[in-house]
Amino acid sequence: MIYGIGTDIVAVARIALLHQKYGSALARRILSPQELEQCAGCLDEVRFIAKRFAAKEALSKALGTGIREPVSLRHISIMHNDLGRPEFACAPELQAWLEQRHICRLHLSLSDETEYIQAFVVAEM
């Protein structure tokens, strides 16, 4: 059963401006500790941040909460499985919150073009 769906679109130029203005503070605000480690070795930090921001916003919409505890930016990580598919990894407090609501699966699709990143999420019970 579907609990909720969410989508988000991010203009890469908007994230680039924020990155230029705030530097590494932007990454520390948006990325989880695991993502910060990954970002340190990535070729395009702005796109890395933009993809994760879009995914996290879409998840917050699918859950119906917006970005607020325990659905916070740093409690959500975007990882990839062996086939390269993006997947959510949640901090323990967020995982417990999901389990209380019987949300058992989170599906994520990311699309990106030169100017935009789009994320689509389905939360399943």
PDB file of N, CA and C in Angstrom:
ATOM      1  N   MET A   1       0.841  -1.171   0.000  1.00  0.00           N
ATOM      2  CA  MET A   1       0.000   0.000   0.000  1.00  0.00           C
ATOM      3  C   MET A   1       0.894   1.245   0.000  1.00  0.00           C
ATOM      4  N   ILE A   2       0.488   2.229  -0.746  1.00  0.00           N
ATOM      5  CA  ILE A   2       1.268   3.467  -0.826  1.00  0.00           C
ATOM      6  C   ILE A   2       0.905   4.379   0.342  1.00  0.00           C
ATOM      7  N   TYR A   3       1.916   4.811   1.063  1.00  0.00           N
ATOM      8  CA  TYR A   3       1.758   5.771   2.156  1.00  0.00           C
ATOM      9  C   TYR A   3       1.730   7.188   1.584  1.00  0.00           C
ATOM     10  N   GLY A   4       2.636   7.464   0.628  1.00  0.00           N
ATOM     11  CA  GLY A   4       2.688   8.786   0.021  1.00  0.00           C
ATOM     12  C   GLY A   4       3.668   8.832  -1.133  1.00  0.00           C
ATOM     13  N   ILE A   5       3.506   9.855  -1.957  1.00  0.00           N
ATOM     14  CA  ILE A   5       4.445  10.110  -3.045  1.00  0.00           C
ATOM     15  C   ILE A   5       4.922  11.553  -2.939  1.00  0.00           C
ATOM     16  N   GLY A   6       6.118  11.794  -3.432  1.00  0.00           N
ATOM     17  CA  GLY A   6       6.664  13.145  -3.406  1.00  0.00           C
ATOM     18  C   GLY A   6       7.593  13.355  -4.584  1.00  0.00           C
ATOM     19  N   THR A   7       7.655  14.570  -5.036  1.00  0.00           N
ATOM     20  CA  THR A   7       8.552  14.911  -6.131  1.00  0.00           C
ATOM     21  C   THR A   7       9.174  16.273  -5.854  1.00  0.00           C
ATOM     22  N   ASP A   8      10.333  16.492  -6.424  1.00  0.00           N
ATOM     23  CA  ASP A   8      10.995  17.788  -6.281  1.00  0.00           C
ATOM     24  C   ASP A   8      11.870  18.014  -7.501  1.00  0.00           C
ATOM     25  N   ILE A   9      12.010  19.254  -7.873  1.00  0.00           N
ATOM     26  CA  ILE A   9      12.898  19.635  -8.957  1.00  0.00           C
ATOM     27  C   ILE A   9      13.787  20.765  -8.452  1.00  0.00           C
ATOM     28  N   VAL A  10      15.066  20.668  -8.745  1.00  0.00           N
ATOM     29  CA  VAL A  10      16.039  21.652  -8.273  1.00  0.00           C
ATOM     30  C   VAL A  10      16.784  22.224  -9.472  1.00  0.00           C
ATOM     31  N   ALA A  11      16.880  23.540  -9.522  1.00  0.00           N
ATOM     32  CA  ALA A  11      17.713  24.198 -10.530  1.00  0.00           C
ATOM     33  C   ALA A  11      19.159  24.135 -10.048  1.00  0.00           C
ATOM     34  N   VAL A  12      20.014  23.519 -10.841  1.00  0.00           N
ATOM     35  CA  VAL A  12      21.418  23.374 -10.461  1.00  0.00           C
ATOM     36  C   VAL A  12      22.046  24.750 -10.229  1.00  0.00           C
ATOM     37  N   ALA A  13      21.641  25.745 -11.008  1.00  0.00           N
ATOM     38  CA  ALA A  13      22.195  27.098 -10.862  1.00  0.00           C
ATOM     39  C   ALA A  13      21.890  27.672  -9.478  1.00  0.00           C
ATOM     40  N   ARG A  14      20.729  27.347  -8.927  1.00  0.00           N
ATOM     41  CA  ARG A  14      20.372  27.833  -7.582  1.00  0.00           C
ATOM     42  C   ARG A  14      21.319  27.255  -6.536  1.00  0.00           C
ATOM     43  N   ILE A  15      21.604  25.966  -6.640  1.00  0.00           N
ATOM     44  CA  ILE A  15      22.530  25.331  -5.697  1.00  0.00           C
ATOM     45  C   ILE A  15      23.937  25.882  -5.907  1.00  0.00           C
ATOM     46  N   ALA A  16      24.302  26.143  -7.155  1.00  0.00           N
ATOM     47  CA  ALA A  16      25.628  26.712  -7.446  1.00  0.00           C
ATOM     48  C   ALA A  16      25.786  28.077  -6.782  1.00  0.00           C
ATOM     49  N   LEU A  17      24.739  28.900  -6.824  1.00  0.00           N
ATOM     50  CA  LEU A  17      24.795  30.216  -6.172  1.00  0.00           C
ATOM     51  C   LEU A  17      24.925  30.075  -4.657  1.00  0.00           C
ATOM     52  N   LEU A  18      24.162  29.157  -4.083  1.00  0.00           N
ATOM     53  CA  LEU A  18      24.256  28.929  -2.641  1.00  0.00           C
ATOM     54  C   LEU A  18      25.632  28.390  -2.261  1.00  0.00           C
ATOM     55  N   HIS A  19      26.170  27.516  -3.096  1.00  0.00           N
ATOM     56  CA  HIS A  19      27.496  26.952  -2.849  1.00  0.00           C
ATOM     57  C   HIS A  19      28.558  28.043  -2.918  1.00  0.00           C
ATOM     58  N   GLN A  20      28.402  28.936  -3.872  1.00  0.00           N
ATOM     59  CA  GLN A  20      29.345  30.055  -4.014  1.00  0.00           C
ATOM     60  C   GLN A  20      29.261  30.978  -2.791  1.00  0.00           C
ATOM     61  N   LYS A  21      28.049  31.196  -2.301  1.00  0.00           N
ATOM     62  CA  LYS A  21      27.842  32.107  -1.176  1.00  0.00           C
ATOM     63  C   LYS A  21      28.284  31.497   0.157  1.00  0.00           C
ATOM     64  N   TYR A  22      27.942  30.208   0.389  1.00  0.00           N
ATOM     65  CA  TYR A  22      28.173  29.593   1.694  1.00  0.00           C
ATOM     66  C   TYR A  22      29.315  28.581   1.732  1.00  0.00           C
ATOM     67  N   GLY A  23      29.825  28.194   0.578  1.00  0.00           N
ATOM     68  CA  GLY A  23      30.943  27.252   0.526  1.00  0.00           C
ATOM     69  C   GLY A  23      30.606  25.917   1.156  1.00  0.00           C
ATOM     70  N   SER A  24      31.534  25.374   1.914  1.00  0.00           N
ATOM     71  CA  SER A  24      31.359  24.037   2.493  1.00  0.00           C
ATOM     72  C   SER A  24      30.258  23.995   3.558  1.00  0.00           C
ATOM     73  N   ALA A  25      29.835  25.140   4.065  1.00  0.00           N
ATOM     74  CA  ALA A  25      28.738  25.166   5.039  1.00  0.00           C
ATOM     75  C   ALA A  25      27.444  24.638   4.412  1.00  0.00           C
ATOM     76  N   LEU A  26      27.271  24.855   3.120  1.00  0.00           N
ATOM     77  CA  LEU A  26      26.080  24.343   2.435  1.00  0.00           C
ATOM     78  C   LEU A  26      26.068  22.817   2.478  1.00  0.00           C
ATOM     79  N   ALA A  27      27.190  22.211   2.155  1.00  0.00           N
ATOM     80  CA  ALA A  27      27.283  20.746   2.186  1.00  0.00           C
ATOM     81  C   ALA A  27      27.043  20.225   3.602  1.00  0.00           C
ATOM     82  N   ARG A  28      27.594  20.876   4.596  1.00  0.00           N
ATOM     83  CA  ARG A  28      27.421  20.424   5.982  1.00  0.00           C
ATOM     84  C   ARG A  28      25.966  20.535   6.437  1.00  0.00           C
ATOM     85  N   ARG A  29      25.221  21.464   5.871  1.00  0.00           N
ATOM     86  CA  ARG A  29      23.814  21.639   6.231  1.00  0.00           C
ATOM     87  C   ARG A  29      22.922  20.589   5.560  1.00  0.00           C
ATOM     88  N   ILE A  30      23.240  20.220   4.329  1.00  0.00           N
ATOM     89  CA  ILE A  30      22.375  19.345   3.535  1.00  0.00           C
ATOM     90  C   ILE A  30      22.759  17.876   3.633  1.00  0.00           C
ATOM     91  N   LEU A  31      24.045  17.582   3.692  1.00  0.00           N
ATOM     92  CA  LEU A  31      24.515  16.208   3.579  1.00  0.00           C
ATOM     93  C   LEU A  31      24.658  15.516   4.934  1.00  0.00           C
ATOM     94  N   SER A  32      24.419  14.217   4.927  1.00  0.00           N
ATOM     95  CA  SER A  32      24.659  13.394   6.117  1.00  0.00           C
ATOM     96  C   SER A  32      26.164  13.194   6.265  1.00  0.00           C
ATOM     97  N   PRO A  33      26.620  12.723   7.411  1.00  0.00           N
ATOM     98  CA  PRO A  33      28.057  12.464   7.572  1.00  0.00           C
ATOM     99  C   PRO A  33      28.624  11.522   6.502  1.00  0.00           C
ATOM    100  N   GLN A  34      27.880  10.475   6.143  1.00  0.00           N
ATOM    101  CA  GLN A  34      28.345   9.547   5.107  1.00  0.00           C
ATOM    102  C   GLN A  34      28.450  10.246   3.756  1.00  0.00           C
ATOM    103  N   GLU A  35      27.478  11.092   3.453  1.00  0.00           N
ATOM    104  CA  GLU A  35      27.491  11.811   2.178  1.00  0.00           C
ATOM    105  C   GLU A  35      28.620  12.832   2.126  1.00  0.00           C
ATOM    106  N   LEU A  36      28.920  13.451   3.262  1.00  0.00           N
ATOM    107  CA  LEU A  36      30.040  14.398   3.298  1.00  0.00           C
ATOM    108  C   LEU A  36      31.341  13.707   2.910  1.00  0.00           C
ATOM    109  N   GLU A  37      31.529  12.480   3.376  1.00  0.00           N
ATOM    110  CA  GLU A  37      32.725  11.718   3.002  1.00  0.00           C
ATOM    111  C   GLU A  37      32.753  11.449   1.505  1.00  0.00           C
ATOM    112  N   GLN A  38      31.613  11.061   0.943  1.00  0.00           N
ATOM    113  CA  GLN A  38      31.531  10.800  -0.495  1.00  0.00           C
ATOM    114  C   GLN A  38      31.765  12.069  -1.299  1.00  0.00           C
ATOM    115  N   CYS A  39      31.206  13.157  -0.833  1.00  0.00           N
ATOM    116  CA  CYS A  39      31.299  14.434  -1.545  1.00  0.00           C
ATOM    117  C   CYS A  39      32.737  14.919  -1.636  1.00  0.00           C
ATOM    118  N   ALA A  40      33.526  14.620  -0.621  1.00  0.00           N
ATOM    119  CA  ALA A  40      34.923  15.065  -0.598  1.00  0.00           C
ATOM    120  C   ALA A  40      35.700  14.542  -1.800  1.00  0.00           C
ATOM    121  N   GLY A  41      35.309  13.402  -2.334  1.00  0.00           N
ATOM    122  CA  GLY A  41      36.031  12.836  -3.469  1.00  0.00           C
ATOM    123  C   GLY A  41      35.302  12.957  -4.793  1.00  0.00           C
ATOM    124  N   CYS A  42      34.196  13.698  -4.830  1.00  0.00           N
ATOM    125  CA  CYS A  42      33.424  13.766  -6.077  1.00  0.00           C
ATOM    126  C   CYS A  42      33.950  14.860  -7.003  1.00  0.00           C
ATOM    127  N   LEU A  43      33.654  14.702  -8.285  1.00  0.00           N
ATOM    128  CA  LEU A  43      34.136  15.648  -9.292  1.00  0.00           C
ATOM    129  C   LEU A  43      33.294  16.915  -9.365  1.00  0.00           C
ATOM    130  N   ASP A  44      31.988  16.799  -9.110  1.00  0.00           N
ATOM    131  CA  ASP A  44      31.089  17.945  -9.224  1.00  0.00           C
ATOM    132  C   ASP A  44      30.272  18.073  -7.940  1.00  0.00           C
ATOM    133  N   GLU A  45      30.815  18.816  -7.001  1.00  0.00           N
ATOM    134  CA  GLU A  45      30.196  18.954  -5.682  1.00  0.00           C
ATOM    135  C   GLU A  45      28.803  19.566  -5.765  1.00  0.00           C
ATOM    136  N   VAL A  46      28.612  20.542  -6.644  1.00  0.00           N
ATOM    137  CA  VAL A  46      27.314  21.215  -6.752  1.00  0.00           C
ATOM    138  C   VAL A  46      26.235  20.223  -7.178  1.00  0.00           C
ATOM    139  N   ARG A  47      26.484  19.421  -8.199  1.00  0.00           N
ATOM    140  CA  ARG A  47      25.505  18.440  -8.665  1.00  0.00           C
ATOM    141  C   ARG A  47      25.272  17.354  -7.605  1.00  0.00           C
ATOM    142  N   PHE A  48      26.321  16.964  -6.915  1.00  0.00           N
ATOM    143  CA  PHE A  48      26.206  15.974  -5.838  1.00  0.00           C
ATOM    144  C   PHE A  48      25.228  16.489  -4.782  1.00  0.00           C
ATOM    145  N   ILE A  49      25.406  17.720  -4.362  1.00  0.00           N
ATOM    146  CA  ILE A  49      24.534  18.325  -3.348  1.00  0.00           C
ATOM    147  C   ILE A  49      23.120  18.492  -3.894  1.00  0.00           C
ATOM    148  N   ALA A  50      22.988  18.964  -5.128  1.00  0.00           N
ATOM    149  CA  ALA A  50      21.673  19.200  -5.730  1.00  0.00           C
ATOM    150  C   ALA A  50      20.855  17.915  -5.815  1.00  0.00           C
ATOM    151  N   LYS A  51      21.481  16.821  -6.213  1.00  0.00           N
ATOM    152  CA  LYS A  51      20.762  15.542  -6.305  1.00  0.00           C
ATOM    153  C   LYS A  51      20.248  15.111  -4.940  1.00  0.00           C
ATOM    154  N   ARG A  52      21.074  15.231  -3.953  1.00  0.00           N
ATOM    155  CA  ARG A  52      20.669  14.795  -2.621  1.00  0.00           C
ATOM    156  C   ARG A  52      19.607  15.710  -2.019  1.00  0.00           C
ATOM    157  N   PHE A  53      19.725  17.007  -2.278  1.00  0.00           N
ATOM    158  CA  PHE A  53      18.708  17.928  -1.784  1.00  0.00           C
ATOM    159  C   PHE A  53      17.354  17.612  -2.420  1.00  0.00           C
ATOM    160  N   ALA A  54      17.323  17.396  -3.729  1.00  0.00           N
ATOM    161  CA  ALA A  54      16.066  17.070  -4.414  1.00  0.00           C
ATOM    162  C   ALA A  54      15.459  15.787  -3.852  1.00  0.00           C
ATOM    163  N   ALA A  55      16.287  14.771  -3.647  1.00  0.00           N
ATOM    164  CA  ALA A  55      15.800  13.493  -3.122  1.00  0.00           C
ATOM    165  C   ALA A  55      15.226  13.649  -1.713  1.00  0.00           C
ATOM    166  N   LYS A  56      15.906  14.398  -0.876  1.00  0.00           N
ATOM    167  CA  LYS A  56      15.461  14.578   0.507  1.00  0.00           C
ATOM    168  C   LYS A  56      14.173  15.394   0.577  1.00  0.00           C
ATOM    169  N   GLU A  57      14.054  16.401  -0.269  1.00  0.00           N
ATOM    170  CA  GLU A  57      12.815  17.183  -0.338  1.00  0.00           C
ATOM    171  C   GLU A  57      11.658  16.301  -0.803  1.00  0.00           C
ATOM    172  N   ALA A  58      11.902  15.490  -1.838  1.00  0.00           N
ATOM    173  CA  ALA A  58      10.857  14.599  -2.344  1.00  0.00           C
ATOM    174  C   ALA A  58      10.433  13.596  -1.269  1.00  0.00           C
ATOM    175  N   LEU A  59      11.394  13.078  -0.509  1.00  0.00           N
ATOM    176  CA  LEU A  59      11.061  12.156   0.581  1.00  0.00           C
ATOM    177  C   LEU A  59      10.198  12.851   1.629  1.00  0.00           C
ATOM    178  N   SER A  60      10.558  14.062   1.994  1.00  0.00           N
ATOM    179  CA  SER A  60       9.777  14.777   3.014  1.00  0.00           C
ATOM    180  C   SER A  60       8.342  15.009   2.542  1.00  0.00           C
ATOM    181  N   LYS A  61       8.163  15.199   1.244  1.00  0.00           N
ATOM    182  CA  LYS A  61       6.817  15.362   0.688  1.00  0.00           C
ATOM    183  C   LYS A  61       6.063  14.033   0.693  1.00  0.00           C
ATOM    184  N   ALA A  62       6.751  12.949   0.342  1.00  0.00           N
ATOM    185  CA  ALA A  62       6.107  11.627   0.355  1.00  0.00           C
ATOM    186  C   ALA A  62       5.657  11.251   1.764  1.00  0.00           C
ATOM    187  N   LEU A  63       6.423  11.670   2.756  1.00  0.00           N
ATOM    188  CA  LEU A  63       6.082  11.366   4.149  1.00  0.00           C
ATOM    189  C   LEU A  63       5.081  12.354   4.735  1.00  0.00           C
ATOM    190  N   GLY A  64       4.861  13.474   4.040  1.00  0.00           N
ATOM    191  CA  GLY A  64       3.886  14.458   4.483  1.00  0.00           C
ATOM    192  C   GLY A  64       4.346  15.337   5.626  1.00  0.00           C
ATOM    193  N   THR A  65       5.642  15.403   5.850  1.00  0.00           N
ATOM    194  CA  THR A  65       6.159  16.134   7.008  1.00  0.00           C
ATOM    195  C   THR A  65       6.850  17.436   6.663  1.00  0.00           C
ATOM    196  N   GLY A  66       7.368  17.539   5.449  1.00  0.00           N
ATOM    197  CA  GLY A  66       8.322  18.604   5.179  1.00  0.00           C
ATOM    198  C   GLY A  66       9.617  18.260   5.893  1.00  0.00           C
ATOM    199  N   ILE A  67      10.579  19.152   5.815  1.00  0.00           N
ATOM    200  CA  ILE A  67      11.871  18.928   6.470  1.00  0.00           C
ATOM    201  C   ILE A  67      11.774  19.413   7.914  1.00  0.00           C
ATOM    202  N   ARG A  68      11.609  18.469   8.824  1.00  0.00           N
ATOM    203  CA  ARG A  68      11.590  18.744  10.269  1.00  0.00           C
ATOM    204  C   ARG A  68      11.846  17.429  10.979  1.00  0.00           C
ATOM    205  N   GLU A  69      12.323  17.515  12.203  1.00  0.00           N
ATOM    206  CA  GLU A  69      12.659  16.310  12.970  1.00  0.00           C
ATOM    207  C   GLU A  69      11.499  15.326  12.986  1.00  0.00           C
ATOM    208  N   PRO A  70      11.732  14.067  12.813  1.00  0.00           N
ATOM    209  CA  PRO A  70      13.033  13.440  12.581  1.00  0.00           C
ATOM    210  C   PRO A  70      13.424  13.368  11.107  1.00  0.00           C
ATOM    211  N   VAL A  71      12.567  13.942  10.232  1.00  0.00           N
ATOM    212  CA  VAL A  71      12.860  13.931   8.794  1.00  0.00           C
ATOM    213  C   VAL A  71      13.738  15.145   8.490  1.00  0.00           C
ATOM    214  N   SER A  72      14.981  15.061   8.907  1.00  0.00           N
ATOM    215  CA  SER A  72      15.902  16.177   8.700  1.00  0.00           C
ATOM    216  C   SER A  72      16.906  15.813   7.616  1.00  0.00           C
ATOM    217  N   LEU A  73      17.476  16.822   7.007  1.00  0.00           N
ATOM    218  CA  LEU A  73      18.409  16.611   5.901  1.00  0.00           C
ATOM    219  C   LEU A  73      19.560  15.695   6.290  1.00  0.00           C
ATOM    220  N   ARG A  74      20.082  15.862   7.480  1.00  0.00           N
ATOM    221  CA  ARG A  74      21.257  15.087   7.891  1.00  0.00           C
ATOM    222  C   ARG A  74      20.911  13.683   8.391  1.00  0.00           C
ATOM    223  N   HIS A  75      19.611  13.399   8.573  1.00  0.00           N
ATOM    224  CA  HIS A  75      19.180  12.051   8.966  1.00  0.00           C
ATOM    225  C   HIS A  75      18.926  11.155   7.757  1.00  0.00           C
ATOM    226  N   ILE A  76      19.020  11.723   6.562  1.00  0.00           N
ATOM    227  CA  ILE A  76      18.732  10.991   5.327  1.00  0.00           C
ATOM    228  C   ILE A  76      20.002  10.937   4.493  1.00  0.00           C
ATOM    229  N   SER A  77      20.360   9.745   4.050  1.00  0.00           N
ATOM    230  CA  SER A  77      21.504   9.581   3.145  1.00  0.00           C
ATOM    231  C   SER A  77      21.018   8.941   1.855  1.00  0.00           C
ATOM    232  N   ILE A  78      21.625   9.340   0.755  1.00  0.00           N
ATOM    233  CA  ILE A  78      21.362   8.712  -0.531  1.00  0.00           C
ATOM    234  C   ILE A  78      22.592   7.878  -0.862  1.00  0.00           C
ATOM    235  N   MET A  79      22.387   6.581  -0.933  1.00  0.00           N
ATOM    236  CA  MET A  79      23.464   5.653  -1.267  1.00  0.00           C
ATOM    237  C   MET A  79      23.094   4.962  -2.578  1.00  0.00           C
ATOM    238  N   HIS A  80      23.949   4.077  -3.045  1.00  0.00           N
ATOM    239  CA  HIS A  80      23.663   3.338  -4.277  1.00  0.00           C
ATOM    240  C   HIS A  80      23.876   1.846  -4.042  1.00  0.00           C
ATOM    241  N   ASN A  81      22.976   1.029  -4.606  1.00  0.00           N
ATOM    242  CA  ASN A  81      23.139  -0.416  -4.464  1.00  0.00           C
ATOM    243  C   ASN A  81      24.184  -0.914  -5.469  1.00  0.00           C
ATOM    244  N   ASP A  82      24.372  -2.220  -5.533  1.00  0.00           N
ATOM    245  CA  ASP A  82      25.397  -2.802  -6.402  1.00  0.00           C
ATOM    246  C   ASP A  82      25.169  -2.497  -7.884  1.00  0.00           C
ATOM    247  N   LEU A  83      23.922  -2.241  -8.255  1.00  0.00           N
ATOM    248  CA  LEU A  83      23.604  -1.927  -9.645  1.00  0.00           C
ATOM    249  C   LEU A  83      23.636  -0.427  -9.921  1.00  0.00           C
ATOM    250  N   GLY A  84      23.909   0.371  -8.902  1.00  0.00           N
ATOM    251  CA  GLY A  84      23.970   1.820  -9.063  1.00  0.00           C
ATOM    252  C   GLY A  84      22.661   2.536  -8.797  1.00  0.00           C
ATOM    253  N   ARG A  85      21.619   1.795  -8.413  1.00  0.00           N
ATOM    254  CA  ARG A  85      20.324   2.414  -8.139  1.00  0.00           C
ATOM    255  C   ARG A  85      20.395   3.212  -6.844  1.00  0.00           C
ATOM    256  N   PRO A  86      19.885   4.453  -6.843  1.00  0.00           N
ATOM    257  CA  PRO A  86      19.896   5.244  -5.605  1.00  0.00           C
ATOM    258  C   PRO A  86      18.897   4.682  -4.597  1.00  0.00           C
ATOM    259  N   GLU A  87      19.321   4.677  -3.338  1.00  0.00           N
ATOM    260  CA  GLU A  87      18.481   4.184  -2.251  1.00  0.00           C
ATOM    261  C   GLU A  87      18.668   5.066  -1.027  1.00  0.00           C
ATOM    262  N   PHE A  88      17.628   5.133  -0.212  1.00  0.00           N
ATOM    263  CA  PHE A  88      17.723   5.885   1.032  1.00  0.00           C
ATOM    264  C   PHE A  88      18.348   5.032   2.133  1.00  0.00           C
ATOM    265  N   ALA A  89      19.172   5.660   2.940  1.00  0.00           N
ATOM    266  CA  ALA A  89      19.659   5.086   4.192  1.00  0.00           C
ATOM    267  C   ALA A  89      19.298   6.110   5.264  1.00  0.00           C
ATOM    268  N   CYS A  90      18.601   5.664   6.293  1.00  0.00           N
ATOM    269  CA  CYS A  90      18.078   6.595   7.297  1.00  0.00           C
ATOM    270  C   CYS A  90      18.794   6.424   8.629  1.00  0.00           C
ATOM    271  N   ALA A  91      18.972   7.539   9.317  1.00  0.00           N
ATOM    272  CA  ALA A  91      19.530   7.524  10.669  1.00  0.00           C
ATOM    273  C   ALA A  91      18.573   6.749  11.577  1.00  0.00           C
ATOM    274  N   PRO A  92      19.081   6.181  12.677  1.00  0.00           N
ATOM    275  CA  PRO A  92      18.240   5.355  13.557  1.00  0.00           C
ATOM    276  C   PRO A  92      16.952   6.042  14.017  1.00  0.00           C
ATOM    277  N   GLU A  93      17.014   7.322  14.361  1.00  0.00           N
ATOM    278  CA  GLU A  93      15.800   7.998  14.836  1.00  0.00           C
ATOM    279  C   GLU A  93      14.751   8.128  13.737  1.00  0.00           C
ATOM    280  N   LEU A  94      15.184   8.349  12.497  1.00  0.00           N
ATOM    281  CA  LEU A  94      14.242   8.410  11.384  1.00  0.00           C
ATOM    282  C   LEU A  94      13.728   7.008  11.060  1.00  0.00           C
ATOM    283  N   GLN A  95      14.596   6.015  11.097  1.00  0.00           N
ATOM    284  CA  GLN A  95      14.172   4.636  10.840  1.00  0.00           C
ATOM    285  C   GLN A  95      13.105   4.205  11.845  1.00  0.00           C
ATOM    286  N   ALA A  96      13.276   4.567  13.103  1.00  0.00           N
ATOM    287  CA  ALA A  96      12.278   4.235  14.135  1.00  0.00           C
ATOM    288  C   ALA A  96      10.950   4.932  13.841  1.00  0.00           C
ATOM    289  N   TRP A  97      11.012   6.181  13.411  1.00  0.00           N
ATOM    290  CA  TRP A  97       9.812   6.947  13.068  1.00  0.00           C
ATOM    291  C   TRP A  97       9.068   6.275  11.914  1.00  0.00           C
ATOM    292  N   LEU A  98       9.820   5.837  10.894  1.00  0.00           N
ATOM    293  CA  LEU A  98       9.217   5.144   9.749  1.00  0.00           C
ATOM    294  C   LEU A  98       8.547   3.844  10.201  1.00  0.00           C
ATOM    295  N   GLU A  99       9.220   3.095  11.050  1.00  0.00           N
ATOM    296  CA  GLU A  99       8.680   1.822  11.532  1.00  0.00           C
ATOM    297  C   GLU A  99       7.405   2.027  12.347  1.00  0.00           C
ATOM    298  N   GLN A 100       7.337   3.106  13.132  1.00  0.00           N
ATOM    299  CA  GLN A 100       6.122   3.408  13.906  1.00  0.00           C
ATOM    300  C   GLN A 100       4.925   3.616  12.985  1.00  0.00           C
ATOM    301  N   ARG A 101       5.177   4.095  11.778  1.00  0.00           N
ATOM    302  CA  ARG A 101       4.121   4.357  10.797  1.00  0.00           C
ATOM    303  C   ARG A 101       3.969   3.208   9.801  1.00  0.00           C
ATOM    304  N   HIS A 102       4.690   2.137  10.058  1.00  0.00           N
ATOM    305  CA  HIS A 102       4.639   0.927   9.218  1.00  0.00           C
ATOM    306  C   HIS A 102       5.084   1.191   7.781  1.00  0.00           C
ATOM    307  N   ILE A 103       5.972   2.157   7.616  1.00  0.00           N
ATOM    308  CA  ILE A 103       6.542   2.429   6.293  1.00  0.00           C
ATOM    309  C   ILE A 103       7.729   1.488   6.126  1.00  0.00           C
ATOM    310  N   CYS A 104       7.611   0.578   5.168  1.00  0.00           N
ATOM    311  CA  CYS A 104       8.614  -0.485   5.050  1.00  0.00           C
ATOM    312  C   CYS A 104       9.552  -0.315   3.856  1.00  0.00           C
ATOM    313  N   ARG A 105       9.156   0.462   2.858  1.00  0.00           N
ATOM    314  CA  ARG A 105      10.023   0.640   1.687  1.00  0.00           C
ATOM    315  C   ARG A 105       9.939   2.074   1.195  1.00  0.00           C
ATOM    316  N   LEU A 106      11.085   2.555   0.744  1.00  0.00           N
ATOM    317  CA  LEU A 106      11.175   3.878   0.136  1.00  0.00           C
ATOM    318  C   LEU A 106      11.796   3.695  -1.242  1.00  0.00           C
ATOM    319  N   HIS A 107      11.104   4.151  -2.261  1.00  0.00           N
ATOM    320  CA  HIS A 107      11.582   4.031  -3.637  1.00  0.00           C
ATOM    321  C   HIS A 107      12.003   5.416  -4.121  1.00  0.00           C
ATOM    322  N   LEU A 108      13.162   5.493  -4.761  1.00  0.00           N
ATOM    323  CA  LEU A 108      13.703   6.775  -5.224  1.00  0.00           C
ATOM    324  C   LEU A 108      14.105   6.677  -6.683  1.00  0.00           C
ATOM    325  N   SER A 109      13.677   7.658  -7.459  1.00  0.00           N
ATOM    326  CA  SER A 109      14.128   7.800  -8.839  1.00  0.00           C
ATOM    327  C   SER A 109      14.689   9.207  -8.995  1.00  0.00           C
ATOM    328  N   LEU A 110      15.885   9.300  -9.562  1.00  0.00           N
ATOM    329  CA  LEU A 110      16.525  10.597  -9.814  1.00  0.00           C
ATOM    330  C   LEU A 110      16.749  10.763 -11.309  1.00  0.00           C
ATOM    331  N   SER A 111      16.478  11.957 -11.807  1.00  0.00           N
ATOM    332  CA  SER A 111      16.772  12.297 -13.200  1.00  0.00           C
ATOM    333  C   SER A 111      17.523  13.608 -13.197  1.00  0.00           C
ATOM    334  N   ASP A 112      18.520  13.712 -14.050  1.00  0.00           N
ATOM    335  CA  ASP A 112      19.229  14.987 -14.114  1.00  0.00           C
ATOM    336  C   ASP A 112      19.582  15.335 -15.549  1.00  0.00           C
ATOM    337  N   GLU A 113      19.472  16.607 -15.807  1.00  0.00           N
ATOM    338  CA  GLU A 113      19.881  17.227 -17.063  1.00  0.00           C
ATOM    339  C   GLU A 113      20.851  18.339 -16.691  1.00  0.00           C
ATOM    340  N   THR A 114      21.315  19.049 -17.661  1.00  0.00           N
ATOM    341  CA  THR A 114      22.309  20.087 -17.412  1.00  0.00           C
ATOM    342  C   THR A 114      21.837  21.099 -16.373  1.00  0.00           C
ATOM    343  N   GLU A 115      20.590  21.543 -16.496  1.00  0.00           N
ATOM    344  CA  GLU A 115      20.104  22.634 -15.650  1.00  0.00           C
ATOM    345  C   GLU A 115      19.273  22.194 -14.452  1.00  0.00           C
ATOM    346  N   TYR A 116      18.735  20.976 -14.475  1.00  0.00           N
ATOM    347  CA  TYR A 116      17.790  20.573 -13.436  1.00  0.00           C
ATOM    348  C   TYR A 116      18.058  19.157 -12.932  1.00  0.00           C
ATOM    349  N   ILE A 117      17.705  18.949 -11.668  1.00  0.00           N
ATOM    350  CA  ILE A 117      17.688  17.632 -11.040  1.00  0.00           C
ATOM    351  C   ILE A 117      16.244  17.394 -10.598  1.00  0.00           C
ATOM    352  N   GLN A 118      15.721  16.206 -10.895  1.00  0.00           N
ATOM    353  CA  GLN A 118      14.363  15.867 -10.496  1.00  0.00           C
ATOM    354  C   GLN A 118      14.402  14.585  -9.680  1.00  0.00           C
ATOM    355  N   ALA A 119      13.626  14.557  -8.595  1.00  0.00           N
ATOM    356  CA  ALA A 119      13.536  13.367  -7.749  1.00  0.00           C
ATOM    357  C   ALA A 119      12.071  12.991  -7.574  1.00  0.00           C
ATOM    358  N   PHE A 120      11.827  11.686  -7.542  1.00  0.00           N
ATOM    359  CA  PHE A 120      10.484  11.150  -7.327  1.00  0.00           C
ATOM    360  C   PHE A 120      10.592  10.042  -6.286  1.00  0.00           C
ATOM    361  N   VAL A 121       9.732  10.088  -5.276  1.00  0.00           N
ATOM    362  CA  VAL A 121       9.789   9.128  -4.169  1.00  0.00           C
ATOM    363  C   VAL A 121       8.408   8.524  -3.929  1.00  0.00           C
ATOM    364  N   VAL A 122       8.405   7.229  -3.678  1.00  0.00           N
ATOM    365  CA  VAL A 122       7.205   6.528  -3.227  1.00  0.00           C
ATOM    366  C   VAL A 122       7.535   5.899  -1.877  1.00  0.00           C
ATOM    367  N   ALA A 123       6.703   6.191  -0.881  1.00  0.00           N
ATOM    368  CA  ALA A 123       6.823   5.569   0.439  1.00  0.00           C
ATOM    369  C   ALA A 123       5.740   4.502   0.523  1.00  0.00           C
ATOM    370  N   GLU A 124       6.156   3.290   0.871  1.00  0.00           N
ATOM    371  CA  GLU A 124       5.264   2.142   0.837  1.00  0.00           C
ATOM    372  C   GLU A 124       5.087   1.550   2.234  1.00  0.00           C
ATOM    373  N   MET A 125       3.866   1.125   2.531  1.00  0.00           N
ATOM    374  CA  MET A 125       3.553   0.476   3.809  1.00  0.00           C
ATOM    375  C   MET A 125       3.565  -1.031   3.625  1.00  0.00           C
TER     376      MET A 125
END
